[in-house]
Amino acid sequence: MKKLNKILAMSMAALMATSVAACNQAPASSGAASTGGDTASTGGDTASTGDTASTGGDAASGEVVTLKWVSVGNGQPSNYDAWLEQINPYLEEKIGVNLDMQIVSWGDWDNRRSVIVNTAGEYDILFTNMNTYVNDITIGAFKDITELVQTTTPDLYASIPEDYWEACYVGGKLYAVPSYKDSSISEYLVWDKELAESTGFTIPESIEMKDLGTLTETLTAMKDSKGEASFPLNQNGATWVAFEYDNLGTGLLPIGVRYDDKEAKVVSVLEQEDIQASLDTFHEWYQAGIINSDAATKPEENNYKPCSVAQGWSGAAVTNWGPNMGVEAAVTKLGPTIVSNDTVRGSMSCISANCANPEKALQLLELVNTDSYVRDLLYYGVQGDDWDYTDDTKEWVHRNNVNWTMAGYTQGSFFAVTPTDDFDFNQYDEVKELNENASPSVLLGFSLDTTNFKDQLTNCVAVYERYKGELLTGTRATDEIVPQIMSEMRAAGFDEIVAQCQEQVDAFLASNAG
C-alpha cells in the first residue's frame, strides 16, 4: 500500500494558472452571536469541541470571505435563510467565513455539475464522487491540495485515516477531501423478518456470496406465502454481485482485480467461476418467479422487498430499511467488508482550481469534519425548527421533522454528527468499526490512466450497458448471455484494455515494493 510519506516525495507539477476568482469577499457581518456554543463531540474520536487550533478566524480583520459550495440533494431548503442566520455568525467567529450553499436536485445534478465543471463555473467547493473525479482532474477543474491540507488544516488531516487520503490520490497528487463515513463497503441481505421466519427459516448472521444458492428454498417459500416475487429487482439488477472485484475506476463491471488477489491479476470478471455461479443462481431465481418477470425493464425499485441486498451497516435495519418498508427487518451480512478507491471516493469535497481562498475553503471543511455544531447544522437543518439538542449536554439530537433537503453524506464525517434520540444507540459506532476492520483492496491508492484506451473503454461500456439488465436480473442464462457480451466487448478492444490495465497495475505494485 502506498504510504503518504512516499507519495509526498513524488515530483510536483506546476498548478494551472487561476483566472476566475470564485471566492468573493464581503464586509464583516454584524449578525447575531452563534446559538451553538462550543459543542462537545459525541460522534467519534475525530470530532473536536469546535475550538479548532488550526482555524483562527479573520473576523477581527474586518473582512469575511464568502465561499460558494455546490452539492446535491432535494433542492434548496425552504428555510435556507433562517439556516444562514445560524451558521454564518458561527463561521465568522471561528474562521472569518460566510457560506453560500447551492443544493441542486437529484434529477438535475448530472447536467448541472457537468456545466459547472466544464465552463469553470463559479464555485469554491463541489461535491464529487468516483464517477467524475478523475476526468474532472484531467481537465484541470480542481485545486491540488497535497501539501496545503496538512499545513493549513492539520486537524482535518488527522481526522481522516491515512488510507482514505491515499485512495483520493491521482497522479501522485491529492485533489479532494473524502467524507469519512461508511467509506468501506458492506453488503447485507435485508429480510422481512416475520415473513422469513414464518417459513421456518433461521436468519443467519452472515453468508458468503458463493452461498446465495442455499437461499433458494426459503425464497421460494416466501414467494409462495406472499404470492409475489420474494427477491424483486429493477432494470439495474444485482450490481453488487461483483463488489469483491476492484474495477480500477473504469466504471466497467466486467473488468477487475479481486480485492484479495496479491498478484493483482486483471481479469474478465464475468468469466470468473464465482461470478458465474451467482449469475446462475439469479437465472434459477428468475425462472422460479423469485425474481420478478419484468425485472430487466422495470425502471423503479419496489418500496417493499421481502428480501433484497443493500449496502450499509446492520443498524440500518432498525433505523432505515425496516421503517422504510413498514416492517421489522433483519439482516445477513453478505461477504467481506472492503475498502477500495471507489468506496472511499463515493463522497468527496473538491476545491475549485480557480478558488481565490483555498485556505479558507479547507478551514471550512475542517470545521465541517471536526466541529459537531457545524456538522449538525449541515446534517439536520435549522436548530429550533428542524431539530434541537435534547438537553444542555448536547449528547443527543431530537429531530422535529425530516424536511431538511441537504444530503448529509455529501458533506463530511459521520463521526462528528450528534446522534438522534430515536434509538438507544449511536449507529455510527458500527460504521466506524466496519471501516477500521475493513479489508483493503490490493489496489487501494492505485489510479488508472485511461488516455491510451479511452475509446475502447467507451465502446465496451456501451456494449455492457445494452445487456446488463438481462444479465444482472437472471433473465437470460449465463452460458448464453456472457459469451455474447464478451464477444462484442472483445471486438471493441476489451483484451487491449485488460493488457494496458495490467501494465499499470504491475508498475503500481513494483513501486510499492521498492
Protein backbone atom coordinates (compact mmCIF):
# COMPACT_ATOMS: atom_id res chain seq x y z
CA MET A 1 0.00 0.00 0.00
CA LYS A 2 1.30 3.40 -0.93
CA LYS A 3 2.33 5.31 2.16
CA LEU A 4 1.85 9.04 2.39
CA ASN A 5 5.45 9.98 3.00
CA LYS A 6 6.29 8.20 -0.21
CA ILE A 7 3.55 9.99 -2.11
CA LEU A 8 4.70 13.39 -0.90
CA ALA A 9 8.21 12.64 -2.14
CA MET A 10 6.94 12.44 -5.72
CA SER A 11 7.63 15.35 -8.04
CA MET A 12 5.07 18.20 -8.10
CA ALA A 13 3.87 19.76 -11.35
CA ALA A 14 3.02 23.44 -11.51
CA LEU A 15 -0.60 24.35 -10.84
CA MET A 16 -2.66 25.68 -13.70
CA ALA A 17 -2.97 29.46 -13.73
CA THR A 18 -6.05 30.73 -12.00
CA SER A 19 -8.17 33.23 -13.90
CA VAL A 20 -11.57 33.34 -12.26
CA ALA A 21 -11.86 34.46 -8.65
CA ALA A 22 -14.63 32.26 -7.33
CA CYS A 23 -14.27 33.31 -3.71
CA ASN A 24 -15.93 36.66 -3.08
CA GLN A 25 -15.23 38.98 -0.21
CA ALA A 26 -17.88 40.86 1.72
CA PRO A 27 -17.86 43.30 4.63
CA ALA A 28 -17.92 41.78 8.08
CA SER A 29 -21.43 40.91 9.19
CA SER A 30 -22.99 42.30 12.32
CA GLY A 31 -25.16 39.20 12.66
CA ALA A 32 -26.28 37.82 15.99
CA ALA A 33 -23.94 35.73 18.08
CA SER A 34 -23.91 31.99 17.47
CA THR A 35 -26.51 29.90 19.22
CA GLY A 36 -24.31 26.86 19.08
CA GLY A 37 -21.59 27.44 21.63
CA ASP A 38 -18.64 25.12 21.93
CA THR A 39 -20.46 21.83 21.47
CA ALA A 40 -18.64 18.71 22.57
CA SER A 41 -18.46 15.90 20.08
CA THR A 42 -20.47 12.74 20.66
CA GLY A 43 -19.97 11.12 17.29
CA GLY A 44 -16.49 9.68 17.48
CA ASP A 45 -12.89 10.32 18.31
CA THR A 46 -12.27 12.55 15.31
CA ALA A 47 -14.57 15.41 16.35
CA SER A 48 -13.41 18.39 18.34
CA THR A 49 -15.17 20.82 20.61
CA GLY A 50 -15.28 23.46 17.90
CA ASP A 51 -12.15 25.30 19.07
CA THR A 52 -10.02 24.00 16.23
CA ALA A 53 -6.46 25.14 16.77
CA SER A 54 -5.54 25.49 13.12
CA THR A 55 -8.53 27.59 12.03
CA GLY A 56 -8.08 31.04 13.50
CA GLY A 57 -10.77 33.49 12.35
CA ASP A 58 -10.32 36.62 10.28
CA ALA A 59 -13.42 38.38 11.60
CA ALA A 60 -11.28 40.78 13.61
CA SER A 61 -9.58 41.98 10.42
CA GLY A 62 -12.88 43.39 9.14
CA GLU A 63 -13.11 41.06 6.15
CA VAL A 64 -15.24 37.96 5.78
CA VAL A 65 -14.74 35.56 2.89
CA THR A 66 -17.88 34.15 1.27
CA LEU A 67 -17.47 30.59 -0.01
CA LYS A 68 -19.86 29.01 -2.51
CA TRP A 69 -20.45 25.30 -2.01
CA VAL A 70 -22.40 23.39 -4.69
CA SER A 71 -23.83 19.99 -3.79
CA VAL A 72 -26.73 17.65 -4.48
CA GLY A 73 -29.92 16.88 -2.57
CA ASN A 74 -33.63 17.51 -2.77
CA GLY A 75 -33.17 21.12 -3.81
CA GLN A 76 -32.67 24.31 -1.82
CA PRO A 77 -34.20 24.13 1.70
CA SER A 78 -37.34 26.22 2.20
CA ASN A 79 -35.89 27.66 5.44
CA TYR A 80 -32.45 28.30 3.93
CA ASP A 81 -32.31 31.98 5.01
CA ALA A 82 -33.03 31.07 8.63
CA TRP A 83 -30.29 28.47 8.43
CA LEU A 84 -27.78 31.04 7.15
CA GLU A 85 -28.63 33.28 10.10
CA GLN A 86 -27.49 30.48 12.41
CA ILE A 87 -24.44 29.06 10.67
CA ASN A 88 -22.80 32.18 9.25
CA PRO A 89 -22.25 34.09 12.53
CA TYR A 90 -20.65 30.96 13.95
CA LEU A 91 -18.39 30.54 10.91
CA GLU A 92 -17.46 34.22 11.01
CA GLU A 93 -16.37 33.94 14.62
CA LYS A 94 -14.38 30.77 14.04
CA ILE A 95 -12.69 31.31 10.68
CA GLY A 96 -13.93 34.56 9.11
CA VAL A 97 -16.13 32.82 6.55
CA ASN A 98 -19.72 33.08 5.31
CA LEU A 99 -21.27 30.16 3.45
CA ASP A 100 -23.35 30.24 0.27
CA MET A 101 -24.84 26.78 -0.39
CA GLN A 102 -26.38 25.75 -3.70
CA ILE A 103 -28.25 22.45 -3.46
CA VAL A 104 -29.07 21.02 -6.88
CA SER A 105 -31.89 18.46 -7.13
CA TRP A 106 -31.00 14.84 -7.88
CA GLY A 107 -32.65 14.87 -11.30
CA ASP A 108 -30.72 17.95 -12.43
CA TRP A 109 -27.41 17.09 -10.81
CA ASP A 110 -25.53 15.31 -13.60
CA ASN A 111 -26.21 18.01 -16.17
CA ARG A 112 -25.73 20.90 -13.75
CA ARG A 113 -22.48 19.51 -12.34
CA SER A 114 -21.14 18.94 -15.85
CA VAL A 115 -21.89 22.52 -16.88
CA ILE A 116 -20.32 23.93 -13.72
CA VAL A 117 -17.10 21.96 -14.15
CA ASN A 118 -16.70 22.25 -17.90
CA THR A 119 -17.35 26.00 -18.02
CA ALA A 120 -15.21 26.87 -14.98
CA GLY A 121 -18.38 27.89 -13.18
CA GLU A 122 -18.12 29.99 -10.06
CA TYR A 123 -17.85 27.70 -7.06
CA ASP A 124 -15.35 27.15 -4.31
CA ILE A 125 -16.29 23.66 -3.12
CA LEU A 126 -18.03 20.97 -5.18
CA PHE A 127 -19.41 17.58 -4.18
CA THR A 128 -17.75 14.89 -6.28
CA ASN A 129 -17.68 11.10 -6.46
CA MET A 130 -15.83 8.34 -8.29
CA ASN A 131 -17.96 8.70 -11.44
CA THR A 132 -16.40 12.01 -12.45
CA TYR A 133 -13.41 12.64 -10.16
CA VAL A 134 -10.55 11.52 -12.41
CA ASN A 135 -12.00 13.13 -15.52
CA ASP A 136 -12.50 16.45 -13.73
CA ILE A 137 -8.91 16.39 -12.54
CA THR A 138 -7.78 15.70 -16.10
CA ILE A 139 -9.46 18.88 -17.36
CA GLY A 140 -7.90 20.93 -14.55
CA ALA A 141 -11.06 21.61 -12.55
CA PHE A 142 -9.74 21.05 -9.01
CA LYS A 143 -7.07 22.51 -6.76
CA ASP A 144 -4.06 20.39 -5.83
CA ILE A 145 -4.24 20.29 -2.01
CA THR A 146 -1.45 17.76 -1.45
CA GLU A 147 0.60 19.97 0.87
CA LEU A 148 -1.99 22.60 1.75
CA VAL A 149 -4.34 20.23 3.56
CA GLN A 150 -1.62 19.33 6.06
CA THR A 151 -0.05 22.77 6.55
CA THR A 152 -3.30 24.74 6.73
CA THR A 153 -5.67 22.21 8.32
CA PRO A 154 -3.73 19.58 10.27
CA ASP A 155 -6.79 18.75 12.41
CA LEU A 156 -8.75 17.94 9.28
CA TYR A 157 -5.96 15.74 8.01
CA ALA A 158 -5.67 13.92 11.33
CA SER A 159 -9.42 13.27 11.49
CA ILE A 160 -9.44 11.00 8.42
CA PRO A 161 -7.45 7.74 8.17
CA GLU A 162 -4.34 7.90 6.01
CA ASP A 163 -5.55 5.08 3.76
CA TYR A 164 -8.58 7.16 2.81
CA TRP A 165 -6.44 10.10 1.81
CA GLU A 166 -4.32 7.72 -0.27
CA ALA A 167 -7.41 6.49 -2.08
CA CYS A 168 -8.02 10.03 -3.37
CA TYR A 169 -4.57 10.50 -4.91
CA VAL A 170 -4.42 10.79 -8.70
CA GLY A 171 -1.06 11.01 -10.41
CA GLY A 172 0.71 11.42 -7.08
CA LYS A 173 -1.39 14.42 -6.06
CA LEU A 174 -4.38 14.98 -3.80
CA TYR A 175 -7.42 16.88 -5.08
CA ALA A 176 -10.20 16.02 -2.63
CA VAL A 177 -11.25 15.75 0.99
CA PRO A 178 -13.03 12.41 1.40
CA SER A 179 -16.13 12.20 3.57
CA TYR A 180 -15.24 9.86 6.42
CA LYS A 181 -18.45 7.86 6.64
CA ASP A 182 -19.31 4.30 5.55
CA SER A 183 -16.22 4.62 3.40
CA SER A 184 -15.80 0.88 3.24
CA ILE A 185 -18.44 -1.28 1.56
CA SER A 186 -20.51 -3.85 3.43
CA GLU A 187 -23.40 -5.62 1.70
CA TYR A 188 -26.36 -7.05 3.61
CA LEU A 189 -29.29 -9.27 2.77
CA VAL A 190 -32.29 -7.42 4.19
CA TRP A 191 -35.23 -9.61 5.20
CA ASP A 192 -38.84 -9.06 6.13
CA LYS A 193 -38.16 -10.77 9.44
CA GLU A 194 -41.67 -12.01 10.16
CA LEU A 195 -42.18 -13.38 6.66
CA ALA A 196 -38.80 -15.12 6.50
CA GLU A 197 -39.16 -16.72 9.92
CA SER A 198 -42.72 -17.82 9.15
CA THR A 199 -41.26 -20.27 6.62
CA GLY A 200 -39.21 -21.94 9.38
CA PHE A 201 -36.02 -20.20 8.23
CA THR A 202 -33.45 -19.10 10.78
CA ILE A 203 -31.88 -15.88 9.52
CA PRO A 204 -28.07 -16.29 9.63
CA GLU A 205 -25.69 -13.57 10.74
CA SER A 206 -23.56 -13.90 7.61
CA ILE A 207 -23.04 -15.88 4.44
CA GLU A 208 -20.57 -15.78 1.57
CA MET A 209 -21.55 -14.69 -1.92
CA LYS A 210 -20.95 -18.21 -3.21
CA ASP A 211 -23.67 -19.47 -0.87
CA LEU A 212 -26.54 -17.46 -2.36
CA GLY A 213 -27.93 -20.64 -3.88
CA THR A 214 -28.61 -22.05 -0.41
CA LEU A 215 -31.38 -19.45 -0.02
CA THR A 216 -33.48 -20.76 -2.92
CA GLU A 217 -35.77 -22.96 -0.81
CA THR A 218 -36.51 -20.17 1.67
CA LEU A 219 -37.09 -17.56 -1.03
CA THR A 220 -39.43 -19.97 -2.82
CA ALA A 221 -41.45 -20.45 0.37
CA MET A 222 -41.59 -16.67 0.90
CA LYS A 223 -42.76 -16.19 -2.71
CA ASP A 224 -45.48 -18.78 -2.29
CA SER A 225 -46.60 -17.24 1.01
CA LYS A 226 -46.93 -13.71 -0.37
CA GLY A 227 -47.92 -14.62 -3.91
CA GLU A 228 -45.28 -12.28 -5.32
CA ALA A 229 -41.58 -12.22 -6.15
CA SER A 230 -39.59 -12.56 -2.95
CA PHE A 231 -36.38 -11.06 -4.38
CA PRO A 232 -37.66 -8.26 -6.66
CA LEU A 233 -35.22 -6.36 -8.85
CA ASN A 234 -35.41 -3.45 -11.27
CA GLN A 235 -33.51 -2.93 -14.51
CA ASN A 236 -30.26 -2.12 -12.72
CA GLY A 237 -30.21 -5.67 -11.38
CA ALA A 238 -27.78 -7.09 -8.84
CA THR A 239 -24.92 -4.63 -9.40
CA TRP A 240 -23.48 -5.76 -6.10
CA VAL A 241 -22.67 -9.21 -7.46
CA ALA A 242 -19.08 -8.18 -8.30
CA PHE A 243 -18.34 -5.97 -5.32
CA GLU A 244 -15.40 -8.21 -4.34
CA TYR A 245 -13.68 -7.11 -7.56
CA ASP A 246 -11.99 -3.72 -7.84
CA ASN A 247 -12.85 -2.37 -11.30
CA LEU A 248 -9.86 0.02 -11.25
CA GLY A 249 -12.09 3.05 -11.62
CA THR A 250 -13.10 2.08 -15.17
CA GLY A 251 -16.83 2.10 -14.45
CA LEU A 252 -16.97 -1.24 -16.31
CA LEU A 253 -18.14 -4.13 -14.12
CA PRO A 254 -16.75 -6.87 -16.45
CA ILE A 255 -13.14 -5.87 -15.76
CA GLY A 256 -11.44 -6.01 -12.39
CA VAL A 257 -8.98 -7.35 -9.86
CA ARG A 258 -10.24 -9.44 -6.96
CA TYR A 259 -9.72 -7.36 -3.82
CA ASP A 260 -7.60 -10.03 -2.09
CA ASP A 261 -5.53 -11.22 -5.07
CA LYS A 262 -1.97 -10.40 -4.03
CA GLU A 263 -0.80 -10.85 -7.62
CA ALA A 264 -3.43 -8.30 -8.72
CA LYS A 265 -4.32 -10.08 -11.94
CA VAL A 266 -6.69 -8.07 -14.13
CA VAL A 267 -9.43 -10.44 -15.24
CA SER A 268 -12.63 -10.72 -17.22
CA VAL A 269 -14.97 -10.63 -14.20
CA LEU A 270 -17.97 -12.20 -15.95
CA GLU A 271 -15.91 -15.26 -16.82
CA GLN A 272 -14.80 -15.96 -13.23
CA GLU A 273 -16.25 -19.08 -11.61
CA ASP A 274 -17.59 -17.30 -8.51
CA ILE A 275 -19.39 -14.65 -10.54
CA GLN A 276 -20.84 -17.18 -12.95
CA ALA A 277 -22.14 -19.22 -10.02
CA SER A 278 -24.02 -16.18 -8.72
CA LEU A 279 -25.36 -15.38 -12.19
CA ASP A 280 -26.58 -18.98 -12.48
CA THR A 281 -28.40 -18.56 -9.17
CA PHE A 282 -30.10 -15.38 -10.43
CA HIS A 283 -31.29 -17.22 -13.54
CA GLU A 284 -32.66 -20.04 -11.39
CA TRP A 285 -34.49 -17.48 -9.23
CA TYR A 286 -35.87 -15.74 -12.32
CA GLN A 287 -37.21 -18.98 -13.72
CA ALA A 288 -38.78 -19.85 -10.35
CA GLY A 289 -40.51 -16.47 -10.01
CA ILE A 290 -38.34 -15.45 -7.05
CA ILE A 291 -37.17 -12.56 -9.25
CA ASN A 292 -39.99 -10.70 -11.00
CA SER A 293 -40.54 -11.38 -14.70
CA ASP A 294 -40.32 -7.69 -15.67
CA ALA A 295 -37.07 -7.06 -13.79
CA ALA A 296 -34.96 -6.31 -16.88
CA THR A 297 -37.26 -3.46 -17.95
CA LYS A 298 -38.67 -2.27 -14.61
CA PRO A 299 -37.47 1.34 -14.08
CA GLU A 300 -38.15 1.76 -10.35
CA GLU A 301 -37.44 -0.32 -7.28
CA ASN A 302 -40.23 -1.61 -5.07
CA ASN A 303 -40.55 0.12 -1.71
CA TYR A 304 -41.33 -3.22 -0.10
CA LYS A 305 -39.00 -6.11 -0.82
CA PRO A 306 -39.36 -9.39 1.10
CA CYS A 307 -35.63 -9.93 0.60
CA SER A 308 -33.06 -7.67 -1.02
CA VAL A 309 -29.42 -6.62 -0.85
CA ALA A 310 -28.37 -3.19 0.41
CA GLN A 311 -25.09 -1.51 1.22
CA GLY A 312 -24.68 -0.06 4.71
CA TRP A 313 -24.45 -1.42 8.24
CA SER A 314 -26.59 -3.75 10.33
CA GLY A 315 -28.07 -0.96 12.45
CA ALA A 316 -29.72 0.43 9.33
CA ALA A 317 -32.19 -2.43 9.59
CA VAL A 318 -33.64 -0.65 12.62
CA THR A 319 -33.07 2.97 11.60
CA ASN A 320 -33.81 2.86 7.87
CA TRP A 321 -34.51 -0.34 6.00
CA GLY A 322 -37.27 -1.73 8.19
CA PRO A 323 -39.09 1.59 8.76
CA ASN A 324 -38.92 2.41 5.04
CA MET A 325 -40.72 -0.86 4.25
CA GLY A 326 -43.12 -0.66 7.18
CA VAL A 327 -41.92 -3.96 8.64
CA GLU A 328 -39.39 -5.26 11.13
CA ALA A 329 -36.23 -6.02 9.18
CA ALA A 330 -33.38 -8.39 9.93
CA VAL A 331 -30.07 -8.63 8.10
CA THR A 332 -27.47 -11.15 6.99
CA LYS A 333 -24.01 -9.84 6.18
CA LEU A 334 -23.06 -10.86 2.66
CA GLY A 335 -19.33 -11.37 2.15
CA PRO A 336 -16.47 -9.26 3.50
CA THR A 337 -16.19 -5.56 4.27
CA ILE A 338 -13.84 -3.96 1.75
CA VAL A 339 -12.21 -0.56 1.40
CA SER A 340 -11.08 0.48 -2.06
CA ASN A 341 -10.56 3.63 -4.07
CA ASP A 342 -14.16 3.54 -5.28
CA THR A 343 -15.67 3.02 -1.83
CA VAL A 344 -13.74 6.00 -0.44
CA ARG A 345 -14.49 8.10 -3.50
CA GLY A 346 -18.23 7.72 -3.01
CA SER A 347 -18.31 11.20 -1.44
CA MET A 348 -15.62 13.87 -1.71
CA SER A 349 -15.36 17.65 -1.49
CA CYS A 350 -13.14 19.29 -4.10
CA ILE A 351 -11.90 22.87 -4.17
CA SER A 352 -12.06 24.74 -7.46
CA ALA A 353 -8.75 25.36 -9.19
CA ASN A 354 -9.99 28.95 -9.53
CA CYS A 355 -10.76 29.47 -5.84
CA ALA A 356 -9.17 32.69 -4.60
CA ASN A 357 -9.14 31.50 -0.99
CA PRO A 358 -8.35 27.76 -0.93
CA GLU A 359 -7.01 28.00 2.62
CA LYS A 360 -10.38 29.31 3.80
CA ALA A 361 -12.17 26.58 1.88
CA LEU A 362 -10.07 23.97 3.67
CA GLN A 363 -10.68 25.65 7.03
CA LEU A 364 -14.41 25.42 6.37
CA LEU A 365 -14.12 21.73 5.54
CA GLU A 366 -12.09 21.26 8.71
CA LEU A 367 -14.95 22.64 10.80
CA VAL A 368 -17.48 20.54 8.89
CA ASN A 369 -15.49 17.42 9.72
CA THR A 370 -14.46 18.20 13.31
CA ASP A 371 -16.95 20.65 14.85
CA SER A 372 -20.18 18.96 15.92
CA TYR A 373 -22.30 22.12 15.91
CA VAL A 374 -21.37 22.99 12.32
CA ARG A 375 -21.86 19.36 11.33
CA ASP A 376 -25.30 19.19 12.98
CA LEU A 377 -26.48 22.34 11.23
CA LEU A 378 -25.46 20.96 7.85
CA TYR A 379 -26.82 17.49 8.56
CA TYR A 380 -30.12 18.29 10.30
CA GLY A 381 -31.02 21.87 9.28
CA VAL A 382 -32.27 24.81 11.34
CA GLN A 383 -31.89 24.43 15.10
CA GLY A 384 -35.21 25.13 16.81
CA ASP A 385 -37.13 24.30 13.65
CA ASP A 386 -35.83 21.05 12.16
CA TRP A 387 -34.08 19.83 15.31
CA ASP A 388 -32.98 20.58 18.88
CA TYR A 389 -30.48 19.18 21.36
CA THR A 390 -32.33 17.12 23.95
CA ASP A 391 -30.58 18.87 26.84
CA ASP A 392 -27.63 21.07 27.73
CA THR A 393 -25.16 18.20 27.40
CA LYS A 394 -25.81 18.21 23.65
CA GLU A 395 -25.25 14.46 23.51
CA TRP A 396 -28.40 13.74 21.51
CA VAL A 397 -30.44 15.46 18.84
CA HIS A 398 -34.21 15.29 18.56
CA ARG A 399 -35.48 15.74 15.00
CA ASN A 400 -38.70 17.73 14.82
CA ASN A 401 -39.20 16.81 11.17
CA VAL A 402 -37.36 15.25 8.22
CA ASN A 403 -37.84 18.15 5.82
CA TRP A 404 -34.17 19.15 5.51
CA THR A 405 -33.16 18.75 1.86
CA MET A 406 -29.36 18.73 2.05
CA ALA A 407 -27.85 15.25 1.64
CA GLY A 408 -25.80 14.58 4.76
CA TYR A 409 -23.48 12.01 3.22
CA THR A 410 -22.15 14.60 0.74
CA GLN A 411 -20.85 16.97 3.42
CA GLY A 412 -18.27 15.34 5.67
CA SER A 413 -17.62 12.95 8.51
CA PHE A 414 -20.45 10.91 10.01
CA PHE A 415 -18.47 10.81 13.24
CA ALA A 416 -18.92 14.47 14.05
CA VAL A 417 -22.72 14.19 13.73
CA THR A 418 -24.58 14.17 17.05
CA PRO A 419 -26.79 11.05 17.09
CA THR A 420 -30.57 11.26 17.35
CA ASP A 421 -32.71 10.13 20.26
CA ASP A 422 -34.90 7.89 18.08
CA PHE A 423 -32.90 4.86 19.15
CA ASP A 424 -30.90 3.84 22.18
CA PHE A 425 -27.64 3.50 20.30
CA ASN A 426 -25.34 5.53 18.08
CA GLN A 427 -25.48 3.79 14.73
CA TYR A 428 -22.26 5.45 13.57
CA ASP A 429 -20.26 3.48 16.14
CA GLU A 430 -20.86 0.42 13.98
CA VAL A 431 -19.89 2.31 10.82
CA LYS A 432 -16.59 3.28 12.39
CA GLU A 433 -15.90 -0.29 13.48
CA LEU A 434 -16.63 -1.61 9.98
CA ASN A 435 -14.27 0.97 8.49
CA GLU A 436 -11.49 0.15 10.92
CA ASN A 437 -11.74 -3.59 10.28
CA ALA A 438 -12.28 -3.45 6.52
CA SER A 439 -10.04 -5.50 4.25
CA PRO A 440 -8.14 -3.18 1.88
CA SER A 441 -8.23 -3.82 -1.83
CA VAL A 442 -4.81 -4.69 -3.20
CA LEU A 443 -5.30 -1.65 -5.45
CA LEU A 444 -6.03 0.87 -2.72
CA GLY A 445 -4.20 4.03 -3.81
CA PHE A 446 -3.96 2.98 -7.47
CA SER A 447 -5.18 5.40 -10.16
CA LEU A 448 -5.72 4.22 -13.72
CA ASP A 449 -4.76 6.38 -16.70
CA THR A 450 -7.27 5.60 -19.47
CA THR A 451 -5.82 8.06 -22.01
CA ASN A 452 -4.47 5.40 -24.38
CA PHE A 453 -7.66 3.32 -24.46
CA LYS A 454 -10.49 5.72 -23.68
CA ASP A 455 -12.29 5.00 -26.97
CA GLN A 456 -12.14 1.24 -26.45
CA LEU A 457 -13.38 1.70 -22.89
CA THR A 458 -16.26 3.87 -24.02
CA ASN A 459 -17.27 1.27 -26.59
CA CYS A 460 -17.07 -1.60 -24.09
CA VAL A 461 -19.19 0.32 -21.59
CA ALA A 462 -21.79 0.84 -24.33
CA VAL A 463 -21.86 -2.90 -25.05
CA TYR A 464 -22.22 -3.81 -21.38
CA GLU A 465 -24.97 -1.25 -20.78
CA ARG A 466 -27.07 -2.86 -23.54
CA TYR A 467 -27.01 -6.23 -21.81
CA LYS A 468 -26.67 -5.56 -18.09
CA GLY A 469 -30.42 -5.51 -17.40
CA GLU A 470 -30.86 -9.06 -18.67
CA LEU A 471 -27.53 -10.19 -17.22
CA LEU A 472 -27.97 -8.94 -13.65
CA THR A 473 -31.61 -9.92 -13.26
CA GLY A 474 -31.15 -13.55 -14.35
CA THR A 475 -33.45 -13.00 -17.33
CA ARG A 476 -31.11 -14.91 -19.64
CA ALA A 477 -28.95 -17.95 -18.97
CA THR A 478 -25.34 -17.27 -18.04
CA ASP A 479 -23.89 -19.58 -20.68
CA GLU A 480 -25.88 -17.72 -23.31
CA ILE A 481 -25.52 -14.05 -22.42
CA VAL A 482 -21.96 -13.90 -21.06
CA PRO A 483 -20.33 -15.25 -24.27
CA GLN A 484 -22.40 -12.77 -26.28
CA ILE A 485 -21.30 -9.82 -24.13
CA MET A 486 -17.66 -10.87 -24.12
CA SER A 487 -17.59 -11.47 -27.87
CA GLU A 488 -18.86 -7.97 -28.59
CA MET A 489 -16.58 -6.35 -26.00
CA ARG A 490 -13.53 -8.18 -27.31
CA ALA A 491 -14.37 -6.89 -30.78
CA ALA A 492 -14.44 -3.42 -29.20
CA GLY A 493 -10.97 -3.79 -27.64
CA PHE A 494 -11.62 -5.45 -24.25
CA ASP A 495 -8.43 -7.53 -24.26
CA GLU A 496 -6.35 -4.47 -25.13
CA ILE A 497 -7.85 -2.66 -22.12
CA VAL A 498 -7.00 -5.60 -19.87
CA ALA A 499 -3.40 -5.66 -21.10
CA GLN A 500 -2.88 -1.93 -20.57
CA CYS A 501 -4.53 -2.05 -17.15
CA GLN A 502 -2.27 -4.93 -16.14
CA GLU A 503 0.80 -3.00 -17.21
CA GLN A 504 -0.18 -0.06 -14.99
CA VAL A 505 -1.12 -2.32 -12.08
CA ASP A 506 2.22 -4.12 -12.27
CA ALA A 507 4.03 -0.79 -12.21
CA PHE A 508 2.00 0.27 -9.17
CA LEU A 509 2.85 -2.92 -7.29
CA ALA A 510 6.53 -2.60 -8.20
CA SER A 511 6.66 1.00 -6.95
CA ASN A 512 5.12 -0.01 -3.64
CA ALA A 513 7.52 -2.91 -3.23
CA GLY A 514 10.51 -0.64 -3.66
